[in-house]
């Protein structure tokens, strides 16, 4: 008699959709979080490359600045 009751319980739980929206929102939140992390990592790399290029350009442009003490390039 117990297996029949267990099967009926599993069927009832499979047909019940009362918590489905919470699960869907959880999956959606996880997906948005993962995509945000991936975009952030790509953005950090891009900003780092742009900053390094700008820094190198400034360093090259100011490589030969006159010395206030009278020396120079």
PDB file of N, CA and C in Angstrom:
ATOM      1  N   UNK A   1       0.822  -1.192   0.000  1.00  0.00           N
ATOM      2  CA  UNK A   1       0.000   0.000   0.000  1.00  0.00           C
ATOM      3  C   UNK A   1       0.870   1.261   0.000  1.00  0.00           C
ATOM      4  N   UNK A   2       2.013   1.201   0.593  1.00  0.00           N
ATOM      5  CA  UNK A   2       2.889   2.360   0.691  1.00  0.00           C
ATOM      6  C   UNK A   2       3.380   2.844  -0.678  1.00  0.00           C
ATOM      7  N   UNK A   3       3.805   1.969  -1.615  1.00  0.00           N
ATOM      8  CA  UNK A   3       4.266   2.462  -2.912  1.00  0.00           C
ATOM      9  C   UNK A   3       3.200   3.207  -3.699  1.00  0.00           C
ATOM     10  N   UNK A   4       1.957   2.830  -3.567  1.00  0.00           N
ATOM     11  CA  UNK A   4       0.886   3.523  -4.284  1.00  0.00           C
ATOM     12  C   UNK A   4       0.748   4.949  -3.746  1.00  0.00           C
ATOM     13  N   UNK A   5       0.808   5.089  -2.439  1.00  0.00           N
ATOM     14  CA  UNK A   5       0.704   6.407  -1.823  1.00  0.00           C
ATOM     15  C   UNK A   5       1.900   7.289  -2.245  1.00  0.00           C
ATOM     16  N   UNK A   6       3.065   6.694  -2.317  1.00  0.00           N
ATOM     17  CA  UNK A   6       4.258   7.433  -2.714  1.00  0.00           C
ATOM     18  C   UNK A   6       4.147   7.905  -4.164  1.00  0.00           C
ATOM     19  N   UNK A   7       3.651   7.038  -5.024  1.00  0.00           N
ATOM     20  CA  UNK A   7       3.468   7.434  -6.431  1.00  0.00           C
ATOM     21  C   UNK A   7       2.470   8.580  -6.546  1.00  0.00           C
ATOM     22  N   UNK A   8       1.401   8.508  -5.803  1.00  0.00           N
ATOM     23  CA  UNK A   8       0.398   9.573  -5.841  1.00  0.00           C
ATOM     24  C   UNK A   8       0.992  10.882  -5.339  1.00  0.00           C
ATOM     25  N   UNK A   9       1.828  10.799  -4.338  1.00  0.00           N
ATOM     26  CA  UNK A   9       2.480  12.003  -3.810  1.00  0.00           C
ATOM     27  C   UNK A   9       3.412  12.603  -4.858  1.00  0.00           C
ATOM     28  N   UNK A  10       4.199  11.782  -5.525  1.00  0.00           N
ATOM     29  CA  UNK A  10       5.107  12.282  -6.568  1.00  0.00           C
ATOM     30  C   UNK A  10       4.331  12.890  -7.722  1.00  0.00           C
ATOM     31  N   UNK A  11       3.211  12.276  -8.100  1.00  0.00           N
ATOM     32  CA  UNK A  11       2.379  12.841  -9.185  1.00  0.00           C
ATOM     33  C   UNK A  11       1.818  14.196  -8.773  1.00  0.00           C
ATOM     34  N   UNK A  12       1.380  14.300  -7.543  1.00  0.00           N
ATOM     35  CA  UNK A  12       0.829  15.568  -7.061  1.00  0.00           C
ATOM     36  C   UNK A  12       1.901  16.653  -7.038  1.00  0.00           C
ATOM     37  N   UNK A  13       3.098  16.296  -6.612  1.00  0.00           N
ATOM     38  CA  UNK A  13       4.181  17.281  -6.590  1.00  0.00           C
ATOM     39  C   UNK A  13       4.594  17.685  -8.002  1.00  0.00           C
ATOM     40  N   UNK A  14       4.558  16.743  -8.944  1.00  0.00           N
ATOM     41  CA  UNK A  14       4.921  17.067 -10.324  1.00  0.00           C
ATOM     42  C   UNK A  14       3.892  17.980 -10.970  1.00  0.00           C
ATOM     43  N   UNK A  15       2.642  17.848 -10.591  1.00  0.00           N
ATOM     44  CA  UNK A  15       1.589  18.672 -11.172  1.00  0.00           C
ATOM     45  C   UNK A  15       1.495  20.041 -10.497  1.00  0.00           C
ATOM     46  N   UNK A  16       2.041  20.183  -9.304  1.00  0.00           N
ATOM     47  CA  UNK A  16       1.970  21.433  -8.552  1.00  0.00           C
ATOM     48  C   UNK A  16       2.951  22.445  -9.134  1.00  0.00           C
ATOM     49  N   UNK A  17       2.473  23.643  -9.464  1.00  0.00           N
ATOM     50  CA  UNK A  17       3.319  24.683 -10.047  1.00  0.00           C
ATOM     51  C   UNK A  17       3.401  25.910  -9.141  1.00  0.00           C
ATOM     52  N   UNK A  18       3.187  25.756  -7.868  1.00  0.00           N
ATOM     53  CA  UNK A  18       3.102  26.912  -6.978  1.00  0.00           C
ATOM     54  C   UNK A  18       4.455  27.602  -6.772  1.00  0.00           C
ATOM     55  N   UNK A  19       5.568  26.914  -6.869  1.00  0.00           N
ATOM     56  CA  UNK A  19       6.867  27.542  -6.667  1.00  0.00           C
ATOM     57  C   UNK A  19       7.641  27.745  -7.953  1.00  0.00           C
ATOM     58  N   UNK A  20       6.975  27.540  -9.084  1.00  0.00           N
ATOM     59  CA  UNK A  20       7.659  27.619 -10.372  1.00  0.00           C
ATOM     60  C   UNK A  20       8.194  29.022 -10.645  1.00  0.00           C
ATOM     61  N   UNK A  21       7.442  30.056 -10.333  1.00  0.00           N
ATOM     62  CA  UNK A  21       7.896  31.407 -10.626  1.00  0.00           C
ATOM     63  C   UNK A  21       9.125  31.791  -9.810  1.00  0.00           C
ATOM     64  N   UNK A  22       9.227  31.307  -8.580  1.00  0.00           N
ATOM     65  CA  UNK A  22      10.401  31.602  -7.758  1.00  0.00           C
ATOM     66  C   UNK A  22      11.653  30.957  -8.356  1.00  0.00           C
ATOM     67  N   UNK A  23      11.510  29.728  -8.825  1.00  0.00           N
ATOM     68  CA  UNK A  23      12.632  29.035  -9.466  1.00  0.00           C
ATOM     69  C   UNK A  23      13.054  29.774 -10.739  1.00  0.00           C
ATOM     70  N   UNK A  24      12.080  30.202 -11.524  1.00  0.00           N
ATOM     71  CA  UNK A  24      12.398  30.923 -12.766  1.00  0.00           C
ATOM     72  C   UNK A  24      13.112  32.233 -12.473  1.00  0.00           C
ATOM     73  N   UNK A  25      12.655  32.961 -11.451  1.00  0.00           N
ATOM     74  CA  UNK A  25      13.335  34.209 -11.086  1.00  0.00           C
ATOM     75  C   UNK A  25      14.745  33.930 -10.571  1.00  0.00           C
ATOM     76  N   UNK A  26      14.921  32.834  -9.878  1.00  0.00           N
ATOM     77  CA  UNK A  26      16.262  32.460  -9.415  1.00  0.00           C
ATOM     78  C   UNK A  26      17.195  32.178 -10.575  1.00  0.00           C
ATOM     79  N   UNK A  27      16.712  31.425 -11.559  1.00  0.00           N
ATOM     80  CA  UNK A  27      17.529  31.146 -12.744  1.00  0.00           C
ATOM     81  C   UNK A  27      17.828  32.420 -13.523  1.00  0.00           C
ATOM     82  N   UNK A  28      16.834  33.285 -13.652  1.00  0.00           N
ATOM     83  CA  UNK A  28      17.043  34.542 -14.364  1.00  0.00           C
ATOM     84  C   UNK A  28      18.070  35.415 -13.648  1.00  0.00           C
ATOM     85  N   UNK A  29      17.979  35.477 -12.329  1.00  0.00           N
ATOM     86  CA  UNK A  29      18.954  36.246 -11.550  1.00  0.00           C
ATOM     87  C   UNK A  29      20.359  35.683 -11.689  1.00  0.00           C
ATOM     88  N   UNK A  30      20.478  34.349 -11.672  1.00  0.00           N
ATOM     89  CA  UNK A  30      21.794  33.723 -11.846  1.00  0.00           C
ATOM     90  C   UNK A  30      22.353  34.013 -13.230  1.00  0.00           C
ATOM     91  N   UNK A  31      21.514  33.951 -14.249  1.00  0.00           N
ATOM     92  CA  UNK A  31      21.962  34.233 -15.619  1.00  0.00           C
ATOM     93  C   UNK A  31      22.435  35.682 -15.743  1.00  0.00           C
ATOM     94  N   UNK A  32      21.673  36.604 -15.194  1.00  0.00           N
ATOM     95  CA  UNK A  32      22.069  38.013 -15.251  1.00  0.00           C
ATOM     96  C   UNK A  32      23.376  38.237 -14.496  1.00  0.00           C
ATOM     97  N   UNK A  33      23.545  37.580 -13.368  1.00  0.00           N
ATOM     98  CA  UNK A  33      24.784  37.707 -12.605  1.00  0.00           C
ATOM     99  C   UNK A  33      25.990  37.188 -13.356  1.00  0.00           C
ATOM    100  N   UNK A  34      25.862  36.026 -13.978  1.00  0.00           N
ATOM    101  CA  UNK A  34      26.982  35.439 -14.727  1.00  0.00           C
ATOM    102  C   UNK A  34      27.341  36.310 -15.923  1.00  0.00           C
ATOM    103  N   UNK A  35      26.335  36.776 -16.649  1.00  0.00           N
ATOM    104  CA  UNK A  35      26.602  37.639 -17.814  1.00  0.00           C
ATOM    105  C   UNK A  35      27.246  38.949 -17.361  1.00  0.00           C
ATOM    106  N   UNK A  36      26.802  39.496 -16.245  1.00  0.00           N
ATOM    107  CA  UNK A  36      27.393  40.738 -15.737  1.00  0.00           C
ATOM    108  C   UNK A  36      28.861  40.556 -15.379  1.00  0.00           C
ATOM    109  N   UNK A  37      29.187  39.449 -14.757  1.00  0.00           N
ATOM    110  CA  UNK A  37      30.586  39.177 -14.410  1.00  0.00           C
ATOM    111  C   UNK A  37      31.438  39.053 -15.664  1.00  0.00           C
ATOM    112  N   UNK A  38      30.942  38.356 -16.672  1.00  0.00           N
ATOM    113  CA  UNK A  38      31.702  38.200 -17.921  1.00  0.00           C
ATOM    114  C   UNK A  38      31.896  39.538 -18.624  1.00  0.00           C
ATOM    115  N   UNK A  39      30.854  40.365 -18.650  1.00  0.00           N
ATOM    116  CA  UNK A  39      30.977  41.688 -19.276  1.00  0.00           C
ATOM    117  C   UNK A  39      31.956  42.554 -18.489  1.00  0.00           C
ATOM    118  N   UNK A  40      31.887  42.494 -17.154  1.00  0.00           N
ATOM    119  CA  UNK A  40      32.795  43.283 -16.318  1.00  0.00           C
ATOM    120  C   UNK A  40      34.246  42.901 -16.576  1.00  0.00           C
ATOM    121  N   UNK A  41      34.528  41.600 -16.691  1.00  0.00           N
ATOM    122  CA  UNK A  41      35.901  41.163 -16.950  1.00  0.00           C
ATOM    123  C   UNK A  41      36.388  41.660 -18.303  1.00  0.00           C
ATOM    124  N   UNK A  42      35.545  41.623 -19.313  1.00  0.00           N
ATOM    125  CA  UNK A  42      35.934  42.135 -20.629  1.00  0.00           C
ATOM    126  C   UNK A  42      36.149  43.646 -20.582  1.00  0.00           C
ATOM    127  N   UNK A  43      35.312  44.345 -19.846  1.00  0.00           N
ATOM    128  CA  UNK A  43      35.430  45.792 -19.740  1.00  0.00           C
ATOM    129  C   UNK A  43      36.702  46.191 -19.007  1.00  0.00           C
ATOM    130  N   UNK A  44      37.052  45.466 -17.964  1.00  0.00           N
ATOM    131  CA  UNK A  44      38.277  45.756 -17.218  1.00  0.00           C
ATOM    132  C   UNK A  44      39.499  45.600 -18.123  1.00  0.00           C
ATOM    133  N   UNK A  45      39.529  44.558 -18.921  1.00  0.00           N
ATOM    134  CA  UNK A  45      40.647  44.348 -19.841  1.00  0.00           C
ATOM    135  C   UNK A  45      40.750  45.460 -20.871  1.00  0.00           C
ATOM    136  N   UNK A  46      39.616  45.875 -21.405  1.00  0.00           N
ATOM    137  CA  UNK A  46      39.606  46.937 -22.414  1.00  0.00           C
ATOM    138  C   UNK A  46      40.059  48.264 -21.816  1.00  0.00           C
ATOM    139  N   UNK A  47      39.548  48.607 -20.647  1.00  0.00           N
ATOM    140  CA  UNK A  47      39.942  49.865 -20.004  1.00  0.00           C
ATOM    141  C   UNK A  47      41.429  49.839 -19.661  1.00  0.00           C
ATOM    142  N   UNK A  48      41.919  48.711 -19.214  1.00  0.00           N
ATOM    143  CA  UNK A  48      43.341  48.583 -18.898  1.00  0.00           C
ATOM    144  C   UNK A  48      44.202  48.804 -20.143  1.00  0.00           C
ATOM    145  N   UNK A  49      43.810  48.227 -21.260  1.00  0.00           N
ATOM    146  CA  UNK A  49      44.571  48.405 -22.502  1.00  0.00           C
ATOM    147  C   UNK A  49      44.554  49.857 -22.963  1.00  0.00           C
ATOM    148  N   UNK A  50      43.395  50.504 -22.884  1.00  0.00           N
ATOM    149  CA  UNK A  50      43.293  51.907 -23.307  1.00  0.00           C
ATOM    150  C   UNK A  50      44.133  52.793 -22.392  1.00  0.00           C
ATOM    151  N   UNK A  51      44.076  52.556 -21.093  1.00  0.00           N
ATOM    152  CA  UNK A  51      44.858  53.356 -20.147  1.00  0.00           C
ATOM    153  C   UNK A  51      46.355  53.152 -20.377  1.00  0.00           C
ATOM    154  N   UNK A  52      46.767  51.937 -20.604  1.00  0.00           N
ATOM    155  CA  UNK A  52      48.190  51.664 -20.846  1.00  0.00           C
ATOM    156  C   UNK A  52      48.670  52.359 -22.113  1.00  0.00           C
ATOM    157  N   UNK A  53      47.854  52.325 -23.158  1.00  0.00           N
ATOM    158  CA  UNK A  53      48.227  52.994 -24.407  1.00  0.00           C
ATOM    159  C   UNK A  53      48.324  54.507 -24.204  1.00  0.00           C
ATOM    160  N   UNK A  54      47.384  55.080 -23.469  1.00  0.00           N
ATOM    161  CA  UNK A  54      47.426  56.522 -23.214  1.00  0.00           C
ATOM    162  C   UNK A  54      48.638  56.877 -22.358  1.00  0.00           C
ATOM    163  N   UNK A  55      48.932  56.053 -21.363  1.00  0.00           N
ATOM    164  CA  UNK A  55      50.081  56.302 -20.499  1.00  0.00           C
ATOM    165  C   UNK A  55      51.379  56.226 -21.293  1.00  0.00           C
ATOM    166  N   UNK A  56      51.486  55.247 -22.166  1.00  0.00           N
ATOM    167  CA  UNK A  56      52.681  55.121 -23.004  1.00  0.00           C
ATOM    168  C   UNK A  56      52.820  56.332 -23.918  1.00  0.00           C
ATOM    169  N   UNK A  57      51.705  56.797 -24.474  1.00  0.00           N
ATOM    170  CA  UNK A  57      51.743  57.987 -25.329  1.00  0.00           C
ATOM    171  C   UNK A  57      52.201  59.215 -24.572  1.00  0.00           C
ATOM    172  N   UNK A  58      51.723  59.400 -23.361  1.00  0.00           N
ATOM    173  CA  UNK A  58      52.129  60.553 -22.551  1.00  0.00           C
ATOM    174  C   UNK A  58      53.603  60.435 -22.164  1.00  0.00           C
ATOM    175  N   UNK A  59      54.039  59.250 -21.794  1.00  0.00           N
ATOM    176  CA  UNK A  59      55.442  59.048 -21.425  1.00  0.00           C
ATOM    177  C   UNK A  59      56.364  59.315 -22.613  1.00  0.00           C
ATOM    178  N   UNK A  60      55.974  58.885 -23.795  1.00  0.00           N
ATOM    179  CA  UNK A  60      56.790  59.131 -24.994  1.00  0.00           C
ATOM    180  C   UNK A  60      56.811  60.614 -25.347  1.00  0.00           C
ATOM    181  N   UNK A  61      55.684  61.278 -25.197  1.00  0.00           N
ATOM    182  CA  UNK A  61      55.622  62.718 -25.515  1.00  0.00           C
ATOM    183  C   UNK A  61      56.428  63.547 -24.538  1.00  0.00           C
ATOM    184  N   UNK A  62      56.550  63.111 -23.313  1.00  0.00           N
ATOM    185  CA  UNK A  62      57.267  63.911 -22.320  1.00  0.00           C
ATOM    186  C   UNK A  62      58.646  63.329 -21.999  1.00  0.00           C
ATOM    187  N   UNK A  63      59.176  62.530 -22.899  1.00  0.00           N
ATOM    188  CA  UNK A  63      60.475  61.891 -22.644  1.00  0.00           C
ATOM    189  C   UNK A  63      61.620  62.894 -22.629  1.00  0.00           C
ATOM    190  N   UNK A  64      61.488  63.947 -23.391  1.00  0.00           N
ATOM    191  CA  UNK A  64      62.578  64.914 -23.468  1.00  0.00           C
ATOM    192  C   UNK A  64      62.050  66.277 -23.057  1.00  0.00           C
ATOM    193  N   UNK A  65      61.857  66.466 -21.786  1.00  0.00           N
ATOM    194  CA  UNK A  65      61.413  67.753 -21.281  1.00  0.00           C
ATOM    195  C   UNK A  65      62.623  68.534 -20.760  1.00  0.00           C
ATOM    196  N   UNK A  66      62.597  69.824 -20.887  1.00  0.00           N
ATOM    197  CA  UNK A  66      63.737  70.615 -20.409  1.00  0.00           C
ATOM    198  C   UNK A  66      63.883  70.530 -18.890  1.00  0.00           C
ATOM    199  N   UNK A  67      65.087  70.505 -18.437  1.00  0.00           N
ATOM    200  CA  UNK A  67      65.377  70.436 -17.002  1.00  0.00           C
ATOM    201  C   UNK A  67      65.397  71.855 -16.448  1.00  0.00           C
ATOM    202  N   UNK A  68      64.652  72.138 -15.401  1.00  0.00           N
ATOM    203  CA  UNK A  68      64.661  73.502 -14.847  1.00  0.00           C
ATOM    204  C   UNK A  68      66.027  73.936 -14.332  1.00  0.00           C
ATOM    205  N   UNK A  69      66.892  72.986 -14.054  1.00  0.00           N
ATOM    206  CA  UNK A  69      68.216  73.337 -13.543  1.00  0.00           C
ATOM    207  C   UNK A  69      69.202  73.720 -14.630  1.00  0.00           C
ATOM    208  N   UNK A  70      68.775  73.741 -15.856  1.00  0.00           N
ATOM    209  CA  UNK A  70      69.658  74.175 -16.925  1.00  0.00           C
ATOM    210  C   UNK A  70      70.069  73.048 -17.861  1.00  0.00           C
ATOM    211  N   UNK A  71      69.890  71.800 -17.459  1.00  0.00           N
ATOM    212  CA  UNK A  71      70.241  70.679 -18.351  1.00  0.00           C
ATOM    213  C   UNK A  71      69.108  70.434 -19.327  1.00  0.00           C
ATOM    214  N   UNK A  72      69.266  69.528 -20.163  1.00  0.00           N
ATOM    215  CA  UNK A  72      68.203  69.219 -21.124  1.00  0.00           C
ATOM    216  C   UNK A  72      68.558  67.991 -21.919  1.00  0.00           C
ATOM    217  N   UNK A  73      67.798  67.775 -22.947  1.00  0.00           N
ATOM    218  CA  UNK A  73      67.997  66.596 -23.786  1.00  0.00           C
ATOM    219  C   UNK A  73      69.047  66.820 -24.824  1.00  0.00           C
TER     220      UNK A  73
END
